[in-house]
PDB file of N, CA and C in Angstrom:
ATOM      1  N   UNK A   1     -49.199  45.120 -69.188  1.00  0.00           N
ATOM      2  CA  UNK A   1     -50.354  45.855 -69.036  1.00  0.00           C
ATOM      3  C   UNK A   1     -50.321  47.411 -68.831  1.00  0.00           C
ATOM      4  N   UNK A   2     -51.122  48.189 -69.341  1.00  0.00           N
ATOM      5  CA  UNK A   2     -51.026  49.702 -69.743  1.00  0.00           C
ATOM      6  C   UNK A   2     -51.922  50.213 -68.302  1.00  0.00           C
ATOM      7  N   UNK A   3     -52.526  49.354 -67.576  1.00  0.00           N
ATOM      8  CA  UNK A   3     -53.374  49.782 -66.808  1.00  0.00           C
ATOM      9  C   UNK A   3     -52.336  50.405 -65.237  1.00  0.00           C
ATOM     10  N   UNK A   4     -52.566  51.597 -64.821  1.00  0.00           N
ATOM     11  CA  UNK A   4     -52.050  51.858 -63.682  1.00  0.00           C
ATOM     12  C   UNK A   4     -53.000  52.157 -62.632  1.00  0.00           C
ATOM     13  N   UNK A   5     -52.604  51.090 -61.848  1.00  0.00           N
ATOM     14  CA  UNK A   5     -53.508  51.110 -60.451  1.00  0.00           C
ATOM     15  C   UNK A   5     -53.313  52.043 -59.356  1.00  0.00           C
ATOM     16  N   UNK A   6     -54.362  52.655 -58.822  1.00  0.00           N
ATOM     17  CA  UNK A   6     -54.329  53.722 -57.592  1.00  0.00           C
ATOM     18  C   UNK A   6     -53.978  52.753 -56.007  1.00  0.00           C
ATOM     19  N   UNK A   7     -54.309  51.491 -56.253  1.00  0.00           N
ATOM     20  CA  UNK A   7     -54.157  50.680 -55.050  1.00  0.00           C
ATOM     21  C   UNK A   7     -53.785  49.367 -55.681  1.00  0.00           C
ATOM     22  N   UNK A   8     -52.897  48.443 -54.963  1.00  0.00           N
ATOM     23  CA  UNK A   8     -52.713  46.900 -55.220  1.00  0.00           C
ATOM     24  C   UNK A   8     -53.109  45.987 -53.961  1.00  0.00           C
ATOM     25  N   UNK A   9     -53.540  45.050 -54.463  1.00  0.00           N
ATOM     26  CA  UNK A   9     -54.238  44.237 -52.951  1.00  0.00           C
ATOM     27  C   UNK A   9     -53.451  42.930 -53.497  1.00  0.00           C
ATOM     28  N   UNK A  10     -52.792  42.331 -52.624  1.00  0.00           N
ATOM     29  CA  UNK A  10     -52.067  41.112 -52.584  1.00  0.00           C
ATOM     30  C   UNK A  10     -52.762  40.042 -51.900  1.00  0.00           C
ATOM     31  N   UNK A  11     -53.660  39.251 -52.344  1.00  0.00           N
ATOM     32  CA  UNK A  11     -54.481  38.416 -51.746  1.00  0.00           C
ATOM     33  C   UNK A  11     -54.057  37.096 -52.294  1.00  0.00           C
ATOM     34  N   UNK A  12     -52.762  36.915 -52.796  1.00  0.00           N
ATOM     35  CA  UNK A  12     -52.538  35.434 -52.961  1.00  0.00           C
ATOM     36  C   UNK A  12     -52.191  34.760 -51.829  1.00  0.00           C
ATOM     37  N   UNK A  13     -52.374  33.120 -51.912  1.00  0.00           N
ATOM     38  CA  UNK A  13     -52.549  32.604 -50.779  1.00  0.00           C
ATOM     39  C   UNK A  13     -53.916  32.333 -49.945  1.00  0.00           C
ATOM     40  N   UNK A  14     -54.709  33.123 -50.046  1.00  0.00           N
ATOM     41  CA  UNK A  14     -55.978  33.766 -49.317  1.00  0.00           C
ATOM     42  C   UNK A  14     -57.069  32.370 -50.301  1.00  0.00           C
ATOM     43  N   UNK A  15     -57.903  31.546 -49.569  1.00  0.00           N
ATOM     44  CA  UNK A  15     -58.625  30.640 -50.204  1.00  0.00           C
ATOM     45  C   UNK A  15     -60.221  31.492 -50.303  1.00  0.00           C
ATOM     46  N   UNK A  16     -60.900  31.140 -51.179  1.00  0.00           N
ATOM     47  CA  UNK A  16     -62.318  31.767 -51.673  1.00  0.00           C
ATOM     48  C   UNK A  16     -63.063  31.987 -50.318  1.00  0.00           C
ATOM     49  N   UNK A  17     -63.873  32.667 -50.161  1.00  0.00           N
ATOM     50  CA  UNK A  17     -64.070  34.054 -50.719  1.00  0.00           C
ATOM     51  C   UNK A  17     -63.112  35.203 -50.395  1.00  0.00           C
ATOM     52  N   UNK A  18     -62.215  35.004 -49.728  1.00  0.00           N
ATOM     53  CA  UNK A  18     -61.389  35.967 -49.028  1.00  0.00           C
ATOM     54  C   UNK A  18     -60.789  36.982 -50.170  1.00  0.00           C
ATOM     55  N   UNK A  19     -60.287  36.515 -51.053  1.00  0.00           N
ATOM     56  CA  UNK A  19     -59.797  37.628 -52.285  1.00  0.00           C
ATOM     57  C   UNK A  19     -60.965  38.695 -52.587  1.00  0.00           C
ATOM     58  N   UNK A  20     -62.181  38.137 -52.729  1.00  0.00           N
ATOM     59  CA  UNK A  20     -63.075  39.216 -53.091  1.00  0.00           C
ATOM     60  C   UNK A  20     -63.643  39.940 -51.961  1.00  0.00           C
ATOM     61  N   UNK A  21     -63.700  39.571 -51.107  1.00  0.00           N
ATOM     62  CA  UNK A  21     -64.063  40.024 -49.552  1.00  0.00           C
ATOM     63  C   UNK A  21     -62.890  41.129 -49.314  1.00  0.00           C
ATOM     64  N   UNK A  22     -61.586  40.843 -49.430  1.00  0.00           N
ATOM     65  CA  UNK A  22     -60.675  41.955 -49.279  1.00  0.00           C
ATOM     66  C   UNK A  22     -60.820  43.159 -50.216  1.00  0.00           C
ATOM     67  N   UNK A  23     -61.211  42.352 -51.570  1.00  0.00           N
ATOM     68  CA  UNK A  23     -61.077  43.575 -52.470  1.00  0.00           C
ATOM     69  C   UNK A  23     -62.406  44.619 -52.425  1.00  0.00           C
ATOM     70  N   UNK A  24     -63.414  43.828 -51.458  1.00  0.00           N
ATOM     71  CA  UNK A  24     -64.449  44.761 -51.701  1.00  0.00           C
ATOM     72  C   UNK A  24     -64.204  45.725 -50.204  1.00  0.00           C
ATOM     73  N   UNK A  25     -63.828  45.367 -49.392  1.00  0.00           N
ATOM     74  CA  UNK A  25     -63.000  46.537 -48.330  1.00  0.00           C
ATOM     75  C   UNK A  25     -61.869  47.572 -48.880  1.00  0.00           C
ATOM     76  N   UNK A  26     -61.005  46.981 -49.774  1.00  0.00           N
ATOM     77  CA  UNK A  26     -60.102  47.788 -50.564  1.00  0.00           C
ATOM     78  C   UNK A  26     -60.799  49.105 -51.336  1.00  0.00           C
ATOM     79  N   UNK A  27     -61.740  48.618 -52.138  1.00  0.00           N
ATOM     80  CA  UNK A  27     -62.898  49.384 -52.927  1.00  0.00           C
ATOM     81  C   UNK A  27     -63.579  50.439 -51.898  1.00  0.00           C
ATOM     82  N   UNK A  28     -64.331  50.048 -50.570  1.00  0.00           N
ATOM     83  CA  UNK A  28     -64.448  50.918 -50.017  1.00  0.00           C
ATOM     84  C   UNK A  28     -64.056  52.052 -49.533  1.00  0.00           C
ATOM     85  N   UNK A  29     -62.451  51.953 -49.533  1.00  0.00           N
ATOM     86  CA  UNK A  29     -61.801  53.014 -48.923  1.00  0.00           C
ATOM     87  C   UNK A  29     -61.561  53.983 -50.160  1.00  0.00           C
ATOM     88  N   UNK A  30     -61.788  53.435 -51.506  1.00  0.00           N
ATOM     89  CA  UNK A  30     -61.008  54.274 -52.478  1.00  0.00           C
ATOM     90  C   UNK A  30     -62.080  55.364 -52.922  1.00  0.00           C
ATOM     91  N   UNK A  31     -61.755  56.061 -53.935  1.00  0.00           N
ATOM     92  CA  UNK A  31     -62.621  57.301 -54.573  1.00  0.00           C
ATOM     93  C   UNK A  31     -63.266  56.791 -55.922  1.00  0.00           C
ATOM     94  N   UNK A  32     -64.645  56.888 -56.397  1.00  0.00           N
ATOM     95  CA  UNK A  32     -65.160  56.631 -57.634  1.00  0.00           C
ATOM     96  C   UNK A  32     -64.365  56.980 -58.649  1.00  0.00           C
ATOM     97  N   UNK A  33     -64.057  56.000 -59.707  1.00  0.00           N
ATOM     98  CA  UNK A  33     -63.139  56.260 -60.609  1.00  0.00           C
ATOM     99  C   UNK A  33     -61.474  55.716 -60.304  1.00  0.00           C
ATOM    100  N   UNK A  34     -61.118  55.370 -59.255  1.00  0.00           N
ATOM    101  CA  UNK A  34     -60.215  54.771 -59.047  1.00  0.00           C
ATOM    102  C   UNK A  34     -59.753  53.382 -59.359  1.00  0.00           C
ATOM    103  N   UNK A  35     -58.625  53.023 -59.455  1.00  0.00           N
ATOM    104  CA  UNK A  35     -58.426  51.494 -60.027  1.00  0.00           C
ATOM    105  C   UNK A  35     -57.771  50.710 -59.107  1.00  0.00           C
ATOM    106  N   UNK A  36     -58.176  49.336 -58.901  1.00  0.00           N
ATOM    107  CA  UNK A  36     -57.704  48.569 -57.940  1.00  0.00           C
ATOM    108  C   UNK A  36     -57.136  47.355 -58.588  1.00  0.00           C
ATOM    109  N   UNK A  37     -56.014  47.231 -58.439  1.00  0.00           N
ATOM    110  CA  UNK A  37     -55.257  45.746 -58.853  1.00  0.00           C
ATOM    111  C   UNK A  37     -55.325  44.532 -57.918  1.00  0.00           C
ATOM    112  N   UNK A  38     -55.701  43.482 -58.239  1.00  0.00           N
ATOM    113  CA  UNK A  38     -55.956  42.223 -57.219  1.00  0.00           C
ATOM    114  C   UNK A  38     -55.131  41.123 -57.762  1.00  0.00           C
ATOM    115  N   UNK A  39     -54.447  40.478 -56.755  1.00  0.00           N
ATOM    116  CA  UNK A  39     -53.404  39.464 -57.093  1.00  0.00           C
ATOM    117  C   UNK A  39     -54.081  38.296 -56.507  1.00  0.00           C
ATOM    118  N   UNK A  40     -54.580  37.248 -56.891  1.00  0.00           N
ATOM    119  CA  UNK A  40     -55.317  36.066 -56.156  1.00  0.00           C
ATOM    120  C   UNK A  40     -54.744  35.105 -57.094  1.00  0.00           C
ATOM    121  N   UNK A  41     -54.407  33.578 -56.096  1.00  0.00           N
ATOM    122  CA  UNK A  41     -54.131  32.604 -56.493  1.00  0.00           C
ATOM    123  C   UNK A  41     -54.868  31.419 -56.577  1.00  0.00           C
ATOM    124  N   UNK A  42     -56.373  32.066 -55.782  1.00  0.00           N
ATOM    125  CA  UNK A  42     -57.729  30.857 -55.978  1.00  0.00           C
ATOM    126  C   UNK A  42     -58.333  30.979 -57.134  1.00  0.00           C
ATOM    127  N   UNK A  43     -58.362  29.855 -57.598  1.00  0.00           N
ATOM    128  CA  UNK A  43     -59.180  29.279 -59.142  1.00  0.00           C
ATOM    129  C   UNK A  43     -60.462  30.281 -58.935  1.00  0.00           C
ATOM    130  N   UNK A  44     -61.020  29.696 -57.814  1.00  0.00           N
ATOM    131  CA  UNK A  44     -62.400  30.492 -57.977  1.00  0.00           C
ATOM    132  C   UNK A  44     -62.697  31.903 -57.854  1.00  0.00           C
ATOM    133  N   UNK A  45     -61.968  32.518 -57.721  1.00  0.00           N
ATOM    134  CA  UNK A  45     -61.409  33.956 -57.595  1.00  0.00           C
ATOM    135  C   UNK A  45     -62.133  34.345 -59.045  1.00  0.00           C
ATOM    136  N   UNK A  46     -61.897  33.537 -60.256  1.00  0.00           N
ATOM    137  CA  UNK A  46     -62.022  34.426 -61.537  1.00  0.00           C
ATOM    138  C   UNK A  46     -63.633  34.220 -61.714  1.00  0.00           C
ATOM    139  N   UNK A  47     -64.451  33.395 -61.063  1.00  0.00           N
ATOM    140  CA  UNK A  47     -65.646  33.274 -61.082  1.00  0.00           C
ATOM    141  C   UNK A  47     -66.296  34.156 -60.344  1.00  0.00           C
ATOM    142  N   UNK A  48     -65.707  34.316 -58.974  1.00  0.00           N
ATOM    143  CA  UNK A  48     -66.125  35.210 -58.053  1.00  0.00           C
ATOM    144  C   UNK A  48     -66.256  36.871 -58.460  1.00  0.00           C
ATOM    145  N   UNK A  49     -64.994  37.064 -59.197  1.00  0.00           N
ATOM    146  CA  UNK A  49     -64.728  38.630 -59.541  1.00  0.00           C
ATOM    147  C   UNK A  49     -65.690  38.914 -60.637  1.00  0.00           C
ATOM    148  N   UNK A  50     -66.122  37.949 -61.644  1.00  0.00           N
ATOM    149  CA  UNK A  50     -66.886  38.210 -62.410  1.00  0.00           C
ATOM    150  C   UNK A  50     -68.427  38.150 -62.125  1.00  0.00           C
ATOM    151  N   UNK A  51     -68.770  37.760 -60.932  1.00  0.00           N
ATOM    152  CA  UNK A  51     -70.230  37.579 -60.822  1.00  0.00           C
ATOM    153  C   UNK A  51     -70.350  38.908 -60.004  1.00  0.00           C
ATOM    154  N   UNK A  52     -69.301  39.300 -58.944  1.00  0.00           N
ATOM    155  CA  UNK A  52     -69.333  40.441 -58.351  1.00  0.00           C
ATOM    156  C   UNK A  52     -69.481  41.838 -59.227  1.00  0.00           C
ATOM    157  N   UNK A  53     -68.698  41.749 -60.355  1.00  0.00           N
ATOM    158  CA  UNK A  53     -68.663  42.775 -61.470  1.00  0.00           C
ATOM    159  C   UNK A  53     -69.989  42.806 -61.990  1.00  0.00           C
ATOM    160  N   UNK A  54     -70.837  42.002 -62.070  1.00  0.00           N
ATOM    161  CA  UNK A  54     -71.893  41.880 -62.906  1.00  0.00           C
ATOM    162  C   UNK A  54     -73.001  42.403 -62.127  1.00  0.00           C
ATOM    163  N   UNK A  55     -72.889  42.364 -60.985  1.00  0.00           N
ATOM    164  CA  UNK A  55     -74.065  42.816 -60.018  1.00  0.00           C
ATOM    165  C   UNK A  55     -73.802  43.952 -58.995  1.00  0.00           C
ATOM    166  N   UNK A  56     -72.616  44.554 -59.597  1.00  0.00           N
ATOM    167  CA  UNK A  56     -71.905  45.796 -58.865  1.00  0.00           C
ATOM    168  C   UNK A  56     -71.962  47.048 -59.800  1.00  0.00           C
ATOM    169  N   UNK A  57     -71.746  48.212 -59.410  1.00  0.00           N
ATOM    170  CA  UNK A  57     -71.766  49.683 -60.084  1.00  0.00           C
ATOM    171  C   UNK A  57     -69.933  49.550 -60.344  1.00  0.00           C
ATOM    172  N   UNK A  58     -69.336  48.456 -60.160  1.00  0.00           N
ATOM    173  CA  UNK A  58     -67.971  48.979 -60.546  1.00  0.00           C
ATOM    174  C   UNK A  58     -67.672  47.914 -62.032  1.00  0.00           C
ATOM    175  N   UNK A  59     -66.292  48.168 -62.528  1.00  0.00           N
ATOM    176  CA  UNK A  59     -66.279  47.807 -63.773  1.00  0.00           C
ATOM    177  C   UNK A  59     -64.938  46.938 -63.468  1.00  0.00           C
ATOM    178  N   UNK A  60     -64.614  46.257 -64.609  1.00  0.00           N
ATOM    179  CA  UNK A  60     -63.232  45.031 -64.763  1.00  0.00           C
ATOM    180  C   UNK A  60     -62.720  45.559 -65.688  1.00  0.00           C
ATOM    181  N   UNK A  61     -61.928  46.674 -66.265  1.00  0.00           N
ATOM    182  CA  UNK A  61     -61.312  46.462 -67.570  1.00  0.00           C
ATOM    183  C   UNK A  61     -60.636  45.553 -67.908  1.00  0.00           C
ATOM    184  N   UNK A  62     -59.776  44.808 -67.175  1.00  0.00           N
ATOM    185  CA  UNK A  62     -59.209  43.861 -67.402  1.00  0.00           C
ATOM    186  C   UNK A  62     -58.824  42.736 -66.433  1.00  0.00           C
ATOM    187  N   UNK A  63     -58.622  41.614 -67.006  1.00  0.00           N
ATOM    188  CA  UNK A  63     -58.244  40.648 -65.854  1.00  0.00           C
ATOM    189  C   UNK A  63     -57.326  39.722 -66.781  1.00  0.00           C
ATOM    190  N   UNK A  64     -56.337  38.765 -66.164  1.00  0.00           N
ATOM    191  CA  UNK A  64     -55.605  38.061 -66.889  1.00  0.00           C
ATOM    192  C   UNK A  64     -55.029  37.110 -65.944  1.00  0.00           C
ATOM    193  N   UNK A  65     -54.515  35.835 -66.387  1.00  0.00           N
ATOM    194  CA  UNK A  65     -53.894  34.751 -65.640  1.00  0.00           C
ATOM    195  C   UNK A  65     -52.534  34.770 -66.175  1.00  0.00           C
ATOM    196  N   UNK A  66     -51.302  35.027 -64.980  1.00  0.00           N
ATOM    197  CA  UNK A  66     -50.514  34.580 -65.106  1.00  0.00           C
ATOM    198  C   UNK A  66     -49.223  33.728 -64.417  1.00  0.00           C
ATOM    199  N   UNK A  67     -49.418  32.463 -64.919  1.00  0.00           N
ATOM    200  CA  UNK A  67     -48.948  31.277 -64.396  1.00  0.00           C
ATOM    201  C   UNK A  67     -49.729  31.047 -63.368  1.00  0.00           C
ATOM    202  N   UNK A  68     -49.537  30.775 -62.045  1.00  0.00           N
ATOM    203  CA  UNK A  68     -50.717  30.704 -60.978  1.00  0.00           C
ATOM    204  C   UNK A  68     -51.435  31.679 -60.328  1.00  0.00           C
ATOM    205  N   UNK A  69     -51.101  32.872 -60.919  1.00  0.00           N
ATOM    206  CA  UNK A  69     -51.743  34.161 -60.381  1.00  0.00           C
ATOM    207  C   UNK A  69     -52.532  34.992 -61.104  1.00  0.00           C
ATOM    208  N   UNK A  70     -53.620  35.279 -60.566  1.00  0.00           N
ATOM    209  CA  UNK A  70     -54.812  35.800 -61.316  1.00  0.00           C
ATOM    210  C   UNK A  70     -54.878  37.311 -60.861  1.00  0.00           C
ATOM    211  N   UNK A  71     -54.772  38.175 -62.066  1.00  0.00           N
ATOM    212  CA  UNK A  71     -54.761  39.592 -61.941  1.00  0.00           C
ATOM    213  C   UNK A  71     -55.930  40.360 -62.344  1.00  0.00           C
ATOM    214  N   UNK A  72     -56.544  40.952 -61.462  1.00  0.00           N
ATOM    215  CA  UNK A  72     -57.845  41.567 -61.825  1.00  0.00           C
ATOM    216  C   UNK A  72     -57.796  43.279 -61.371  1.00  0.00           C
ATOM    217  N   UNK A  73     -58.261  43.880 -62.407  1.00  0.00           N
ATOM    218  CA  UNK A  73     -58.236  45.372 -62.319  1.00  0.00           C
ATOM    219  C   UNK A  73     -59.573  45.949 -62.469  1.00  0.00           C
ATOM    220  N   UNK A  74     -59.990  46.497 -61.169  1.00  0.00           N
ATOM    221  CA  UNK A  74     -61.343  47.065 -60.919  1.00  0.00           C
ATOM    222  C   UNK A  74     -61.339  48.161 -60.652  1.00  0.00           C
ATOM    223  N   UNK A  75     -62.268  49.067 -61.450  1.00  0.00           N
ATOM    224  CA  UNK A  75     -62.056  50.451 -61.418  1.00  0.00           C
ATOM    225  C   UNK A  75     -63.803  50.761 -60.384  1.00  0.00           C
ATOM    226  N   UNK A  76     -63.428  51.469 -59.452  1.00  0.00           N
ATOM    227  CA  UNK A  76     -64.890  51.668 -58.452  1.00  0.00           C
ATOM    228  C   UNK A  76     -65.726  52.652 -59.059  1.00  0.00           C
ATOM    229  N   UNK A  77     -67.219  52.229 -59.263  1.00  0.00           N
ATOM    230  CA  UNK A  77     -68.151  52.912 -59.762  1.00  0.00           C
ATOM    231  C   UNK A  77     -68.541  53.842 -58.549  1.00  0.00           C
ATOM    232  N   UNK A  78     -69.453  54.751 -59.135  1.00  0.00           N
ATOM    233  CA  UNK A  78     -70.462  55.544 -58.529  1.00  0.00           C
ATOM    234  C   UNK A  78     -69.780  56.948 -58.809  1.00  0.00           C
ATOM    235  N   UNK A  79     -70.297  57.932 -58.403  1.00  0.00           N
ATOM    236  CA  UNK A  79     -69.897  59.271 -58.479  1.00  0.00           C
ATOM    237  C   UNK A  79     -68.687  59.673 -57.787  1.00  0.00           C
ATOM    238  N   UNK A  80     -67.891  60.276 -58.488  1.00  0.00           N
ATOM    239  CA  UNK A  80     -66.362  60.946 -57.504  1.00  0.00           C
ATOM    240  C   UNK A  80     -66.943  61.866 -56.689  1.00  0.00           C
ATOM    241  N   UNK A  81     -66.186  61.747 -55.715  1.00  0.00           N
ATOM    242  CA  UNK A  81     -66.292  62.364 -54.415  1.00  0.00           C
ATOM    243  C   UNK A  81     -65.551  64.037 -54.805  1.00  0.00           C
ATOM    244  N   UNK A  82     -66.300  64.740 -53.911  1.00  0.00           N
ATOM    245  CA  UNK A  82     -65.866  66.320 -54.395  1.00  0.00           C
ATOM    246  C   UNK A  82     -64.804  66.762 -53.468  1.00  0.00           C
TER     247      UNK A  82
END
């Protein structure tokens, strides 16, 4: 994957909905336009992230499953901070 994240969140082993909640916390600390990579093992996270992105200003340029680990790349939306 050619995407270079600004931050990486390891949410492996956390049950639903914790991977998404931890991702929201991480995004709140990031600037608009920055990229967060999330690793999760909960199968429900695939649906959770899809729904979250559809209802938010953030983008998900990529997601993939590698073995039992789901990888999500989430770009924070909104206006860049000055």
